[in-house]
Structures are given as C-alpha cells and as structure tokens.
Amino acid sequence: MYKMIVGEIGKQRQENWNVKNDNPYAVWEGTPYSEETCRISALSSADYCLRNRVDVDWGSVAWKGTAKEIRRLFEAERLNPAGLKNLQPEKDYAVLFLGFQMAAACA
C-alpha cells in the first residue's frame, strides 16, 4: 500500500530542495491538501508529470509540482482531486510518495 501526499513545501526544503533528511514528513508542512492511497504506478506517473525528484528515505520520494502538474498526475492515477481545489496556479507544492508496509504482512 502506498500514499500520495500533497502539501506546502517544508521550510528546510524551501531553502534546499535536495537537503538530506530521512524524515519524509518534513518534505511538506501544515495540513496536507490531499492524502490519497495509490498504486506503485504512481511513481512512474509522478516522474512524468512532476519535476525535481528527490529520494527522501527508503520507500519515500518527493517532487515539486504546480497545481496543473499535480492535477494531471491525479487524473493519470485516478486519484480523488477534491483536495486540490485550493492550490494556487503558479505556486510549487511538495508531492510525497510514501511507501509503507502493512503490519499484518510482517506478522
């Protein structure tokens, strides 16, 4: 199971997008605009639709994207775009692909 999270770019990443920080939740700050469960195919779609890919930690990747780029990604992956309605057109946002294991699979 995977998650795609869209939010404001975190302060540390605003200063240096490629900063080394193993905390995937530090990529964005505040309340996320959208937090959708997605498929592994979202990685390839995000590489195509978004820009400035950076590996955050094992299983987490982040990109920058404008509202138009993010909407294109959500459409390609058939994700619910409702949370994207408040994105400003020309502003960059952080998009985090978060990979996580299900606890039941480890038992």
C-alpha atoms as a PDB file:
ATOM      1  CA  MET A   1       0.000   0.000   0.000  1.00  0.00           C
ATOM      2  CA  TYR A   2       1.261   3.484  -0.900  1.00  0.00           C
ATOM      3  CA  LYS A   3       0.217   7.072  -0.290  1.00  0.00           C
ATOM      4  CA  MET A   4       0.494  10.265  -2.306  1.00  0.00           C
ATOM      5  CA  ILE A   5       0.530  13.400  -0.126  1.00  0.00           C
ATOM      6  CA  VAL A   6       0.359  16.989  -1.428  1.00  0.00           C
ATOM      7  CA  GLY A   7       1.282  19.932   0.785  1.00  0.00           C
ATOM      8  CA  GLU A   8       3.182  23.167   1.182  1.00  0.00           C
ATOM      9  CA  ILE A   9       6.926  22.730   0.717  1.00  0.00           C
ATOM     10  CA  GLY A  10       8.597  22.495   4.143  1.00  0.00           C
ATOM     11  CA  LYS A  11      10.912  25.312   5.282  1.00  0.00           C
ATOM     12  CA  GLN A  12      14.051  23.188   5.089  1.00  0.00           C
ATOM     13  CA  ARG A  13      13.187  22.065   1.529  1.00  0.00           C
ATOM     14  CA  GLN A  14      12.361  25.642   0.505  1.00  0.00           C
ATOM     15  CA  GLU A  15      15.935  26.586   1.288  1.00  0.00           C
ATOM     16  CA  ASN A  16      17.475  23.489  -0.290  1.00  0.00           C
ATOM     17  CA  TRP A  17      15.233  21.020  -2.113  1.00  0.00           C
ATOM     18  CA  ASN A  18      17.973  18.349  -2.102  1.00  0.00           C
ATOM     19  CA  VAL A  19      18.750  18.562   1.624  1.00  0.00           C
ATOM     20  CA  LYS A  20      19.438  15.201   3.267  1.00  0.00           C
ATOM     21  CA  ASN A  21      16.707  14.473   5.809  1.00  0.00           C
ATOM     22  CA  ASP A  22      15.385  10.983   6.390  1.00  0.00           C
ATOM     23  CA  ASN A  23      12.032  12.220   7.720  1.00  0.00           C
ATOM     24  CA  PRO A  24       9.570  12.019   4.816  1.00  0.00           C
ATOM     25  CA  TYR A  25       7.030  14.143   6.715  1.00  0.00           C
ATOM     26  CA  ALA A  26       9.489  17.079   6.699  1.00  0.00           C
ATOM     27  CA  VAL A  27       9.049  17.436   2.921  1.00  0.00           C
ATOM     28  CA  TRP A  28       5.774  19.292   3.479  1.00  0.00           C
ATOM     29  CA  GLU A  29       4.369  21.305   6.352  1.00  0.00           C
ATOM     30  CA  GLY A  30       0.982  22.195   7.718  1.00  0.00           C
ATOM     31  CA  THR A  31      -2.119  20.230   6.880  1.00  0.00           C
ATOM     32  CA  PRO A  32      -1.853  18.331   3.598  1.00  0.00           C
ATOM     33  CA  TYR A  33      -4.179  19.372   0.809  1.00  0.00           C
ATOM     34  CA  SER A  34      -4.580  15.789  -0.279  1.00  0.00           C
ATOM     35  CA  GLU A  35      -3.620  12.382   1.083  1.00  0.00           C
ATOM     36  CA  GLU A  36      -4.604   9.570  -1.271  1.00  0.00           C
ATOM     37  CA  THR A  37      -3.884   5.854  -1.290  1.00  0.00           C
ATOM     38  CA  CYS A  38      -2.283   4.984  -4.617  1.00  0.00           C
ATOM     39  CA  ARG A  39      -0.654   2.220  -6.638  1.00  0.00           C
ATOM     40  CA  ILE A  40       3.051   1.697  -7.309  1.00  0.00           C
ATOM     41  CA  SER A  41       2.441   3.036 -10.837  1.00  0.00           C
ATOM     42  CA  ALA A  42       2.144   6.493  -9.275  1.00  0.00           C
ATOM     43  CA  LEU A  43       5.963   6.589  -9.132  1.00  0.00           C
ATOM     44  CA  SER A  44       6.290   6.496 -12.916  1.00  0.00           C
ATOM     45  CA  SER A  45       3.362   8.856 -13.405  1.00  0.00           C
ATOM     46  CA  ALA A  46       4.860  11.357 -10.959  1.00  0.00           C
ATOM     47  CA  ASP A  47       8.236  11.172 -12.740  1.00  0.00           C
ATOM     48  CA  TYR A  48       6.420  12.089 -15.947  1.00  0.00           C
ATOM     49  CA  CYS A  49       4.033  14.752 -14.559  1.00  0.00           C
ATOM     50  CA  LEU A  50       6.171  16.424 -11.865  1.00  0.00           C
ATOM     51  CA  ARG A  51       9.778  17.629 -11.533  1.00  0.00           C
ATOM     52  CA  ASN A  52      12.818  17.739  -9.255  1.00  0.00           C
ATOM     53  CA  ARG A  53      12.563  14.163  -7.953  1.00  0.00           C
ATOM     54  CA  VAL A  54      14.457  13.551  -4.724  1.00  0.00           C
ATOM     55  CA  ASP A  55      14.753  10.318  -2.735  1.00  0.00           C
ATOM     56  CA  VAL A  56      13.812  11.066   0.866  1.00  0.00           C
ATOM     57  CA  ASP A  57      14.288   7.744   2.616  1.00  0.00           C
ATOM     58  CA  TRP A  58      13.824   4.081   1.799  1.00  0.00           C
ATOM     59  CA  GLY A  59      10.447   3.921   0.113  1.00  0.00           C
ATOM     60  CA  SER A  60       9.729   7.668   0.011  1.00  0.00           C
ATOM     61  CA  VAL A  61      10.211  10.002  -2.932  1.00  0.00           C
ATOM     62  CA  ALA A  62       9.278  13.674  -3.334  1.00  0.00           C
ATOM     63  CA  TRP A  63       8.742  16.005  -6.289  1.00  0.00           C
ATOM     64  CA  LYS A  64       7.808  19.622  -6.876  1.00  0.00           C
ATOM     65  CA  GLY A  65       4.724  20.435  -8.889  1.00  0.00           C
ATOM     66  CA  THR A  66       2.327  23.214  -9.779  1.00  0.00           C
ATOM     67  CA  ALA A  67      -1.426  22.797  -9.413  1.00  0.00           C
ATOM     68  CA  LYS A  68      -1.719  21.895 -13.119  1.00  0.00           C
ATOM     69  CA  GLU A  69       1.057  19.293 -12.922  1.00  0.00           C
ATOM     70  CA  ILE A  70      -0.405  17.735  -9.764  1.00  0.00           C
ATOM     71  CA  ARG A  71      -3.912  17.591 -11.244  1.00  0.00           C
ATOM     72  CA  ARG A  72      -2.508  15.840 -14.319  1.00  0.00           C
ATOM     73  CA  LEU A  73      -0.874  13.258 -12.013  1.00  0.00           C
ATOM     74  CA  PHE A  74      -4.103  12.714 -10.062  1.00  0.00           C
ATOM     75  CA  GLU A  75      -6.036  12.283 -13.307  1.00  0.00           C
ATOM     76  CA  ALA A  76      -3.497   9.790 -14.683  1.00  0.00           C
ATOM     77  CA  GLU A  77      -3.640   7.729 -11.477  1.00  0.00           C
ATOM     78  CA  ARG A  78      -7.396   8.131 -10.989  1.00  0.00           C
ATOM     79  CA  LEU A  79      -6.945   9.742  -7.578  1.00  0.00           C
ATOM     80  CA  ASN A  80      -9.592  11.962  -5.990  1.00  0.00           C
ATOM     81  CA  PRO A  81      -8.729  15.579  -6.924  1.00  0.00           C
ATOM     82  CA  ALA A  82     -11.144  17.187  -4.405  1.00  0.00           C
ATOM     83  CA  GLY A  83      -8.338  18.223  -2.040  1.00  0.00           C
ATOM     84  CA  LEU A  84      -6.517  20.084  -4.804  1.00  0.00           C
ATOM     85  CA  LYS A  85      -9.164  22.794  -5.277  1.00  0.00           C
ATOM     86  CA  ASN A  86      -7.301  25.300  -3.062  1.00  0.00           C
ATOM     87  CA  LEU A  87      -3.942  25.022  -4.856  1.00  0.00           C
ATOM     88  CA  GLN A  88      -2.730  28.298  -6.357  1.00  0.00           C
ATOM     89  CA  PRO A  89      -1.993  28.056 -10.101  1.00  0.00           C
ATOM     90  CA  GLU A  90       1.662  29.136 -10.352  1.00  0.00           C
ATOM     91  CA  LYS A  91       2.908  28.060  -6.936  1.00  0.00           C
ATOM     92  CA  ASP A  92       5.093  24.993  -6.360  1.00  0.00           C
ATOM     93  CA  TYR A  93       3.930  22.331  -3.917  1.00  0.00           C
ATOM     94  CA  ALA A  94       5.559  19.232  -2.479  1.00  0.00           C
ATOM     95  CA  VAL A  95       4.245  15.844  -3.556  1.00  0.00           C
ATOM     96  CA  LEU A  96       5.379  12.916  -1.435  1.00  0.00           C
ATOM     97  CA  PHE A  97       5.110   9.279  -2.449  1.00  0.00           C
ATOM     98  CA  LEU A  98       5.159   7.327   0.773  1.00  0.00           C
ATOM     99  CA  GLY A  99       5.695   3.579   0.687  1.00  0.00           C
ATOM    100  CA  PHE A 100       4.769   1.684   3.829  1.00  0.00           C
ATOM    101  CA  GLN A 101       4.353  -1.931   4.874  1.00  0.00           C
ATOM    102  CA  MET A 102       1.169  -3.302   6.246  1.00  0.00           C
ATOM    103  CA  ALA A 103       1.664  -4.622   9.800  1.00  0.00           C
ATOM    104  CA  ALA A 104      -0.312  -7.788   9.025  1.00  0.00           C
ATOM    105  CA  ALA A 105       2.154  -8.700   6.262  1.00  0.00           C
ATOM    106  CA  CYS A 106       5.025  -8.664   8.767  1.00  0.00           C
ATOM    107  CA  ALA A 107       3.305 -10.870  11.343  1.00  0.00           C
END
